[in-house]
Amino acid sequence: MRTGKTVDIHCRCGFLLFRYFKAGKGRLIKLIISRLSEDNVGLQNVQTFSRPLCPNCASELGIVRIIHGEPALKLNQGSIQSIRI
């Protein structure tokens, strides 16, 4: 795995959703589920094309897709606090 850093991902309401290992620079567009170190939403056993919600405010976080052969959450940019590395 490339070098990177662990980032906290919060909903717009302030609830901690995930701790994620972010590799590379730039905005956070998608979350590869295998890189999650802490999951407060329950993405580990979710089906493809489901739309997870924030447990605190029930806003839609994105859609689970298969990206590069792995399940990933394609984020809805308006539902999380912006993260850029």
PDB file of N, CA and C in Angstrom:
ATOM      1  N   MET A   1       0.841  -1.171   0.000  1.00  0.00           N
ATOM      2  CA  MET A   1       0.000   0.000   0.000  1.00  0.00           C
ATOM      3  C   MET A   1       0.886   1.233   0.000  1.00  0.00           C
ATOM      4  N   ARG A   2       0.448   2.229  -0.713  1.00  0.00           N
ATOM      5  CA  ARG A   2       1.188   3.478  -0.759  1.00  0.00           C
ATOM      6  C   ARG A   2       1.128   4.197   0.581  1.00  0.00           C
ATOM      7  N   THR A   3       1.943   5.204   0.706  1.00  0.00           N
ATOM      8  CA  THR A   3       1.901   5.992   1.926  1.00  0.00           C
ATOM      9  C   THR A   3       0.639   6.838   1.935  1.00  0.00           C
ATOM     10  N   GLY A   4       0.200   7.164   3.093  1.00  0.00           N
ATOM     11  CA  GLY A   4      -1.009   7.961   3.241  1.00  0.00           C
ATOM     12  C   GLY A   4      -1.200   8.306   4.695  1.00  0.00           C
ATOM     13  N   LYS A   5      -2.414   8.695   5.034  1.00  0.00           N
ATOM     14  CA  LYS A   5      -2.704   9.023   6.419  1.00  0.00           C
ATOM     15  C   LYS A   5      -4.128   8.628   6.751  1.00  0.00           C
ATOM     16  N   THR A   6      -4.374   8.437   8.038  1.00  0.00           N
ATOM     17  CA  THR A   6      -5.707   8.108   8.509  1.00  0.00           C
ATOM     18  C   THR A   6      -6.448   9.410   8.784  1.00  0.00           C
ATOM     19  N   VAL A   7      -7.652   9.539   8.222  1.00  0.00           N
ATOM     20  CA  VAL A   7      -8.447  10.750   8.390  1.00  0.00           C
ATOM     21  C   VAL A   7      -9.785  10.395   9.021  1.00  0.00           C
ATOM     22  N   ASP A   8     -10.327  11.338   9.779  1.00  0.00           N
ATOM     23  CA  ASP A   8     -11.664  11.212  10.350  1.00  0.00           C
ATOM     24  C   ASP A   8     -12.656  11.843   9.386  1.00  0.00           C
ATOM     25  N   ILE A   9     -13.734  11.133   9.112  1.00  0.00           N
ATOM     26  CA  ILE A   9     -14.756  11.628   8.197  1.00  0.00           C
ATOM     27  C   ILE A   9     -16.015  11.877   9.011  1.00  0.00           C
ATOM     28  N   HIS A  10     -16.457  13.135   9.012  1.00  0.00           N
ATOM     29  CA  HIS A  10     -17.615  13.554   9.782  1.00  0.00           C
ATOM     30  C   HIS A  10     -18.751  13.938   8.843  1.00  0.00           C
ATOM     31  N   CYS A  11     -19.967  13.718   9.307  1.00  0.00           N
ATOM     32  CA  CYS A  11     -21.155  14.184   8.596  1.00  0.00           C
ATOM     33  C   CYS A  11     -21.256  15.702   8.777  1.00  0.00           C
ATOM     34  N   ARG A  12     -22.115  16.341   8.014  1.00  0.00           N
ATOM     35  CA  ARG A  12     -22.321  17.785   8.175  1.00  0.00           C
ATOM     36  C   ARG A  12     -22.866  18.118   9.562  1.00  0.00           C
ATOM     37  N   CYS A  13     -23.555  17.162  10.188  1.00  0.00           N
ATOM     38  CA  CYS A  13     -24.100  17.399  11.529  1.00  0.00           C
ATOM     39  C   CYS A  13     -23.033  17.240  12.607  1.00  0.00           C
ATOM     40  N   GLY A  14     -21.827  16.754  12.273  1.00  0.00           N
ATOM     41  CA  GLY A  14     -20.733  16.626  13.212  1.00  0.00           C
ATOM     42  C   GLY A  14     -20.498  15.214  13.713  1.00  0.00           C
ATOM     43  N   PHE A  15     -21.315  14.255  13.332  1.00  0.00           N
ATOM     44  CA  PHE A  15     -21.192  12.870  13.780  1.00  0.00           C
ATOM     45  C   PHE A  15     -20.008  12.201  13.083  1.00  0.00           C
ATOM     46  N   LEU A  16     -19.166  11.477  13.859  1.00  0.00           N
ATOM     47  CA  LEU A  16     -18.025  10.762  13.285  1.00  0.00           C
ATOM     48  C   LEU A  16     -18.534   9.522  12.560  1.00  0.00           C
ATOM     49  N   LEU A  17     -18.366   9.488  11.247  1.00  0.00           N
ATOM     50  CA  LEU A  17     -18.849   8.372  10.437  1.00  0.00           C
ATOM     51  C   LEU A  17     -17.804   7.281  10.301  1.00  0.00           C
ATOM     52  N   PHE A  18     -16.580   7.660   9.887  1.00  0.00           N
ATOM     53  CA  PHE A  18     -15.537   6.684   9.575  1.00  0.00           C
ATOM     54  C   PHE A  18     -14.176   7.209   9.986  1.00  0.00           C
ATOM     55  N   ARG A  19     -13.244   6.283  10.173  1.00  0.00           N
ATOM     56  CA  ARG A  19     -11.804   6.562  10.153  1.00  0.00           C
ATOM     57  C   ARG A  19     -11.300   5.806   8.942  1.00  0.00           C
ATOM     58  N   TYR A  20     -10.616   6.504   8.050  1.00  0.00           N
ATOM     59  CA  TYR A  20     -10.284   5.956   6.740  1.00  0.00           C
ATOM     60  C   TYR A  20      -8.819   6.209   6.420  1.00  0.00           C
ATOM     61  N   PHE A  21      -8.143   5.202   5.839  1.00  0.00           N
ATOM     62  CA  PHE A  21      -6.770   5.377   5.380  1.00  0.00           C
ATOM     63  C   PHE A  21      -6.808   5.979   3.986  1.00  0.00           C
ATOM     64  N   LYS A  22      -6.434   7.257   3.868  1.00  0.00           N
ATOM     65  CA  LYS A  22      -6.462   7.973   2.590  1.00  0.00           C
ATOM     66  C   LYS A  22      -5.083   7.929   1.979  1.00  0.00           C
ATOM     67  N   ALA A  23      -4.987   7.325   0.807  1.00  0.00           N
ATOM     68  CA  ALA A  23      -3.732   7.274   0.061  1.00  0.00           C
ATOM     69  C   ALA A  23      -3.786   8.333  -1.037  1.00  0.00           C
ATOM     70  N   GLY A  24      -2.725   9.055  -1.216  1.00  0.00           N
ATOM     71  CA  GLY A  24      -2.668  10.044  -2.279  1.00  0.00           C
ATOM     72  C   GLY A  24      -3.163  11.406  -1.828  1.00  0.00           C
ATOM     73  N   LYS A  25      -3.142  12.335  -2.786  1.00  0.00           N
ATOM     74  CA  LYS A  25      -3.525  13.714  -2.523  1.00  0.00           C
ATOM     75  C   LYS A  25      -4.893  13.997  -3.119  1.00  0.00           C
ATOM     76  N   GLY A  26      -5.454  15.119  -2.722  1.00  0.00           N
ATOM     77  CA  GLY A  26      -6.698  15.578  -3.319  1.00  0.00           C
ATOM     78  C   GLY A  26      -7.906  15.342  -2.440  1.00  0.00           C
ATOM     79  N   ARG A  27      -9.071  15.612  -3.031  1.00  0.00           N
ATOM     80  CA  ARG A  27     -10.337  15.461  -2.321  1.00  0.00           C
ATOM     81  C   ARG A  27     -10.686  14.005  -2.113  1.00  0.00           C
ATOM     82  N   LEU A  28     -11.544  13.756  -1.159  1.00  0.00           N
ATOM     83  CA  LEU A  28     -12.047  12.421  -0.890  1.00  0.00           C
ATOM     84  C   LEU A  28     -13.305  12.220  -1.729  1.00  0.00           C
ATOM     85  N   ILE A  29     -13.231  11.352  -2.737  1.00  0.00           N
ATOM     86  CA  ILE A  29     -14.331  11.111  -3.651  1.00  0.00           C
ATOM     87  C   ILE A  29     -15.032   9.803  -3.323  1.00  0.00           C
ATOM     88  N   LYS A  30     -14.247   8.775  -3.025  1.00  0.00           N
ATOM     89  CA  LYS A  30     -14.806   7.455  -2.730  1.00  0.00           C
ATOM     90  C   LYS A  30     -14.049   6.820  -1.579  1.00  0.00           C
ATOM     91  N   LEU A  31     -14.751   5.969  -0.834  1.00  0.00           N
ATOM     92  CA  LEU A  31     -14.161   5.235   0.283  1.00  0.00           C
ATOM     93  C   LEU A  31     -14.118   3.767  -0.089  1.00  0.00           C
ATOM     94  N   ILE A  32     -12.941   3.199  -0.201  1.00  0.00           N
ATOM     95  CA  ILE A  32     -12.818   1.761  -0.426  1.00  0.00           C
ATOM     96  C   ILE A  32     -13.047   1.100   0.923  1.00  0.00           C
ATOM     97  N   ILE A  33     -14.026   0.226   0.995  1.00  0.00           N
ATOM     98  CA  ILE A  33     -14.495  -0.303   2.276  1.00  0.00           C
ATOM     99  C   ILE A  33     -13.411  -1.087   3.010  1.00  0.00           C
ATOM    100  N   SER A  34     -12.507  -1.733   2.290  1.00  0.00           N
ATOM    101  CA  SER A  34     -11.453  -2.508   2.962  1.00  0.00           C
ATOM    102  C   SER A  34     -10.437  -1.608   3.671  1.00  0.00           C
ATOM    103  N   ARG A  35     -10.395  -0.318   3.368  1.00  0.00           N
ATOM    104  CA  ARG A  35      -9.462   0.608   4.019  1.00  0.00           C
ATOM    105  C   ARG A  35     -10.036   1.274   5.270  1.00  0.00           C
ATOM    106  N   LEU A  36     -11.270   0.980   5.636  1.00  0.00           N
ATOM    107  CA  LEU A  36     -11.874   1.582   6.821  1.00  0.00           C
ATOM    108  C   LEU A  36     -11.259   0.969   8.073  1.00  0.00           C
ATOM    109  N   SER A  37     -10.819   1.807   8.999  1.00  0.00           N
ATOM    110  CA  SER A  37     -10.315   1.291  10.265  1.00  0.00           C
ATOM    111  C   SER A  37     -11.374   1.383  11.353  1.00  0.00           C
ATOM    112  N   GLU A  38     -12.318   2.307  11.216  1.00  0.00           N
ATOM    113  CA  GLU A  38     -13.440   2.416  12.149  1.00  0.00           C
ATOM    114  C   GLU A  38     -14.680   2.749  11.335  1.00  0.00           C
ATOM    115  N   ASP A  39     -15.761   2.013  11.574  1.00  0.00           N
ATOM    116  CA  ASP A  39     -16.984   2.164  10.795  1.00  0.00           C
ATOM    117  C   ASP A  39     -18.153   2.322  11.754  1.00  0.00           C
ATOM    118  N   ASN A  40     -18.698   3.536  11.865  1.00  0.00           N
ATOM    119  CA  ASN A  40     -19.838   3.791  12.745  1.00  0.00           C
ATOM    120  C   ASN A  40     -21.168   3.751  11.993  1.00  0.00           C
ATOM    121  N   VAL A  41     -21.135   3.431  10.704  1.00  0.00           N
ATOM    122  CA  VAL A  41     -22.346   3.378   9.893  1.00  0.00           C
ATOM    123  C   VAL A  41     -22.758   1.936   9.625  1.00  0.00           C
ATOM    124  N   GLY A  42     -21.795   1.029   9.512  1.00  0.00           N
ATOM    125  CA  GLY A  42     -22.087  -0.376   9.240  1.00  0.00           C
ATOM    126  C   GLY A  42     -21.959  -0.729   7.771  1.00  0.00           C
ATOM    127  N   LEU A  43     -20.888  -0.302   7.128  1.00  0.00           N
ATOM    128  CA  LEU A  43     -20.681  -0.576   5.708  1.00  0.00           C
ATOM    129  C   LEU A  43     -20.059  -1.931   5.427  1.00  0.00           C
ATOM    130  N   GLN A  44     -19.566  -2.633   6.428  1.00  0.00           N
ATOM    131  CA  GLN A  44     -18.800  -3.851   6.184  1.00  0.00           C
ATOM    132  C   GLN A  44     -19.600  -4.918   5.446  1.00  0.00           C
ATOM    133  N   ASN A  45     -20.870  -5.118   5.740  1.00  0.00           N
ATOM    134  CA  ASN A  45     -21.648  -6.184   5.119  1.00  0.00           C
ATOM    135  C   ASN A  45     -22.833  -5.654   4.328  1.00  0.00           C
ATOM    136  N   VAL A  46     -22.694  -4.492   3.737  1.00  0.00           N
ATOM    137  CA  VAL A  46     -23.801  -3.875   3.007  1.00  0.00           C
ATOM    138  C   VAL A  46     -23.778  -4.343   1.544  1.00  0.00           C
ATOM    139  N   GLN A  47     -24.943  -4.371   0.907  1.00  0.00           N
ATOM    140  CA  GLN A  47     -25.047  -4.825  -0.476  1.00  0.00           C
ATOM    141  C   GLN A  47     -24.681  -3.705  -1.449  1.00  0.00           C
ATOM    142  N   THR A  48     -24.317  -4.111  -2.658  1.00  0.00           N
ATOM    143  CA  THR A  48     -24.013  -3.153  -3.718  1.00  0.00           C
ATOM    144  C   THR A  48     -25.278  -2.388  -4.089  1.00  0.00           C
ATOM    145  N   PHE A  49     -25.129  -1.139  -4.436  1.00  0.00           N
ATOM    146  CA  PHE A  49     -26.181  -0.197  -4.825  1.00  0.00           C
ATOM    147  C   PHE A  49     -27.083   0.214  -3.664  1.00  0.00           C
ATOM    148  N   SER A  50     -26.688  -0.074  -2.429  1.00  0.00           N
ATOM    149  CA  SER A  50     -27.448   0.443  -1.297  1.00  0.00           C
ATOM    150  C   SER A  50     -26.980   1.868  -1.007  1.00  0.00           C
ATOM    151  N   ARG A  51     -27.803   2.615  -0.324  1.00  0.00           N
ATOM    152  CA  ARG A  51     -27.514   4.009  -0.015  1.00  0.00           C
ATOM    153  C   ARG A  51     -27.514   4.197   1.500  1.00  0.00           C
ATOM    154  N   PRO A  52     -26.328   4.110   2.146  1.00  0.00           N
ATOM    155  CA  PRO A  52     -26.268   4.235   3.612  1.00  0.00           C
ATOM    156  C   PRO A  52     -26.618   5.643   4.083  1.00  0.00           C
ATOM    157  N   LEU A  53     -27.143   5.720   5.309  1.00  0.00           N
ATOM    158  CA  LEU A  53     -27.562   6.981   5.908  1.00  0.00           C
ATOM    159  C   LEU A  53     -26.739   7.276   7.157  1.00  0.00           C
ATOM    160  N   CYS A  54     -26.636   8.550   7.492  1.00  0.00           N
ATOM    161  CA  CYS A  54     -25.995   8.958   8.741  1.00  0.00           C
ATOM    162  C   CYS A  54     -26.877   8.498   9.896  1.00  0.00           C
ATOM    163  N   PRO A  55     -26.314   7.814  10.903  1.00  0.00           N
ATOM    164  CA  PRO A  55     -27.129   7.361  12.034  1.00  0.00           C
ATOM    165  C   PRO A  55     -27.695   8.507  12.873  1.00  0.00           C
ATOM    166  N   ASN A  56     -27.099   9.689  12.798  1.00  0.00           N
ATOM    167  CA  ASN A  56     -27.520  10.808  13.628  1.00  0.00           C
ATOM    168  C   ASN A  56     -28.605  11.656  12.963  1.00  0.00           C
ATOM    169  N   CYS A  57     -28.405  12.058  11.708  1.00  0.00           N
ATOM    170  CA  CYS A  57     -29.349  12.977  11.058  1.00  0.00           C
ATOM    171  C   CYS A  57     -30.071  12.361   9.861  1.00  0.00           C
ATOM    172  N   ALA A  58     -29.755  11.123   9.501  1.00  0.00           N
ATOM    173  CA  ALA A  58     -30.400  10.377   8.410  1.00  0.00           C
ATOM    174  C   ALA A  58     -30.197  11.013   7.030  1.00  0.00           C
ATOM    175  N   SER A  59     -29.086  11.720   6.814  1.00  0.00           N
ATOM    176  CA  SER A  59     -28.786  12.223   5.476  1.00  0.00           C
ATOM    177  C   SER A  59     -28.082  11.117   4.680  1.00  0.00           C
ATOM    178  N   GLU A  60     -28.341  11.084   3.391  1.00  0.00           N
ATOM    179  CA  GLU A  60     -27.774  10.048   2.523  1.00  0.00           C
ATOM    180  C   GLU A  60     -26.297  10.334   2.267  1.00  0.00           C
ATOM    181  N   LEU A  61     -25.437   9.328   2.495  1.00  0.00           N
ATOM    182  CA  LEU A  61     -23.992   9.521   2.381  1.00  0.00           C
ATOM    183  C   LEU A  61     -23.469   9.271   0.979  1.00  0.00           C
ATOM    184  N   GLY A  62     -24.124   8.449   0.203  1.00  0.00           N
ATOM    185  CA  GLY A  62     -23.662   8.119  -1.141  1.00  0.00           C
ATOM    186  C   GLY A  62     -24.256   6.800  -1.577  1.00  0.00           C
ATOM    187  N   ILE A  63     -23.548   6.119  -2.488  1.00  0.00           N
ATOM    188  CA  ILE A  63     -24.006   4.837  -3.009  1.00  0.00           C
ATOM    189  C   ILE A  63     -22.829   3.864  -3.018  1.00  0.00           C
ATOM    190  N   VAL A  64     -23.104   2.623  -2.652  1.00  0.00           N
ATOM    191  CA  VAL A  64     -22.071   1.590  -2.639  1.00  0.00           C
ATOM    192  C   VAL A  64     -21.976   1.001  -4.037  1.00  0.00           C
ATOM    193  N   ARG A  65     -20.796   1.042  -4.625  1.00  0.00           N
ATOM    194  CA  ARG A  65     -20.552   0.550  -5.984  1.00  0.00           C
ATOM    195  C   ARG A  65     -19.329  -0.356  -5.966  1.00  0.00           C
ATOM    196  N   ILE A  66     -19.126  -1.087  -7.038  1.00  0.00           N
ATOM    197  CA  ILE A  66     -17.894  -1.842  -7.247  1.00  0.00           C
ATOM    198  C   ILE A  66     -16.978  -0.961  -8.094  1.00  0.00           C
ATOM    199  N   ILE A  67     -15.860  -0.531  -7.522  1.00  0.00           N
ATOM    200  CA  ILE A  67     -14.909   0.345  -8.220  1.00  0.00           C
ATOM    201  C   ILE A  67     -13.557  -0.346  -8.203  1.00  0.00           C
ATOM    202  N   HIS A  68     -12.994  -0.596  -9.380  1.00  0.00           N
ATOM    203  CA  HIS A  68     -11.727  -1.312  -9.544  1.00  0.00           C
ATOM    204  C   HIS A  68     -11.773  -2.685  -8.879  1.00  0.00           C
ATOM    205  N   GLY A  69     -12.906  -3.351  -8.950  1.00  0.00           N
ATOM    206  CA  GLY A  69     -13.047  -4.701  -8.426  1.00  0.00           C
ATOM    207  C   GLY A  69     -13.274  -4.807  -6.934  1.00  0.00           C
ATOM    208  N   GLU A  70     -13.418  -3.690  -6.221  1.00  0.00           N
ATOM    209  CA  GLU A  70     -13.626  -3.697  -4.781  1.00  0.00           C
ATOM    210  C   GLU A  70     -14.870  -2.880  -4.448  1.00  0.00           C
ATOM    211  N   PRO A  71     -15.611  -3.266  -3.397  1.00  0.00           N
ATOM    212  CA  PRO A  71     -16.756  -2.435  -2.991  1.00  0.00           C
ATOM    213  C   PRO A  71     -16.265  -1.115  -2.402  1.00  0.00           C
ATOM    214  N   ALA A  72     -16.911  -0.040  -2.811  1.00  0.00           N
ATOM    215  CA  ALA A  72     -16.528   1.297  -2.357  1.00  0.00           C
ATOM    216  C   ALA A  72     -17.775   2.159  -2.226  1.00  0.00           C
ATOM    217  N   LEU A  73     -17.709   3.137  -1.335  1.00  0.00           N
ATOM    218  CA  LEU A  73     -18.789   4.095  -1.151  1.00  0.00           C
ATOM    219  C   LEU A  73     -18.453   5.335  -1.956  1.00  0.00           C
ATOM    220  N   LYS A  74     -19.217   5.590  -3.005  1.00  0.00           N
ATOM    221  CA  LYS A  74     -19.064   6.812  -3.801  1.00  0.00           C
ATOM    222  C   LYS A  74     -19.796   7.899  -3.043  1.00  0.00           C
ATOM    223  N   LEU A  75     -19.058   8.868  -2.506  1.00  0.00           N
ATOM    224  CA  LEU A  75     -19.601   9.841  -1.559  1.00  0.00           C
ATOM    225  C   LEU A  75     -20.473  10.892  -2.215  1.00  0.00           C
ATOM    226  N   ASN A  76     -21.495  11.282  -1.498  1.00  0.00           N
ATOM    227  CA  ASN A  76     -22.317  12.429  -1.831  1.00  0.00           C
ATOM    228  C   ASN A  76     -21.621  13.629  -1.185  1.00  0.00           C
ATOM    229  N   GLN A  77     -21.019  14.493  -1.964  1.00  0.00           N
ATOM    230  CA  GLN A  77     -20.138  15.539  -1.434  1.00  0.00           C
ATOM    231  C   GLN A  77     -20.851  16.521  -0.512  1.00  0.00           C
ATOM    232  N   GLY A  78     -22.150  16.677  -0.638  1.00  0.00           N
ATOM    233  CA  GLY A  78     -22.873  17.610   0.212  1.00  0.00           C
ATOM    234  C   GLY A  78     -23.187  17.068   1.584  1.00  0.00           C
ATOM    235  N   SER A  79     -22.953  15.788   1.817  1.00  0.00           N
ATOM    236  CA  SER A  79     -23.355  15.201   3.090  1.00  0.00           C
ATOM    237  C   SER A  79     -22.205  15.065   4.089  1.00  0.00           C
ATOM    238  N   ILE A  80     -20.954  15.240   3.659  1.00  0.00           N
ATOM    239  CA  ILE A  80     -19.821  15.134   4.577  1.00  0.00           C
ATOM    240  C   ILE A  80     -19.074  16.460   4.638  1.00  0.00           C
ATOM    241  N   GLN A  81     -18.327  16.643   5.725  1.00  0.00           N
ATOM    242  CA  GLN A  81     -17.468  17.818   5.818  1.00  0.00           C
ATOM    243  C   GLN A  81     -16.303  17.620   4.864  1.00  0.00           C
ATOM    244  N   SER A  82     -15.910  18.639   4.144  1.00  0.00           N
ATOM    245  CA  SER A  82     -14.908  18.501   3.103  1.00  0.00           C
ATOM    246  C   SER A  82     -13.555  18.120   3.686  1.00  0.00           C
ATOM    247  N   ILE A  83     -12.890  17.187   3.001  1.00  0.00           N
ATOM    248  CA  ILE A  83     -11.570  16.702   3.386  1.00  0.00           C
ATOM    249  C   ILE A  83     -10.669  16.788   2.165  1.00  0.00           C
ATOM    250  N   ARG A  84      -9.550  17.439   2.323  1.00  0.00           N
ATOM    251  CA  ARG A  84      -8.582  17.544   1.229  1.00  0.00           C
ATOM    252  C   ARG A  84      -7.201  17.394   1.807  1.00  0.00           C
ATOM    253  N   ILE A  85      -6.424  16.500   1.200  1.00  0.00           N
ATOM    254  CA  ILE A  85      -5.049  16.266   1.659  1.00  0.00           C
ATOM    255  C   ILE A  85      -4.101  16.621   0.539  1.00  0.00           C
TER     256      ILE A  85
END
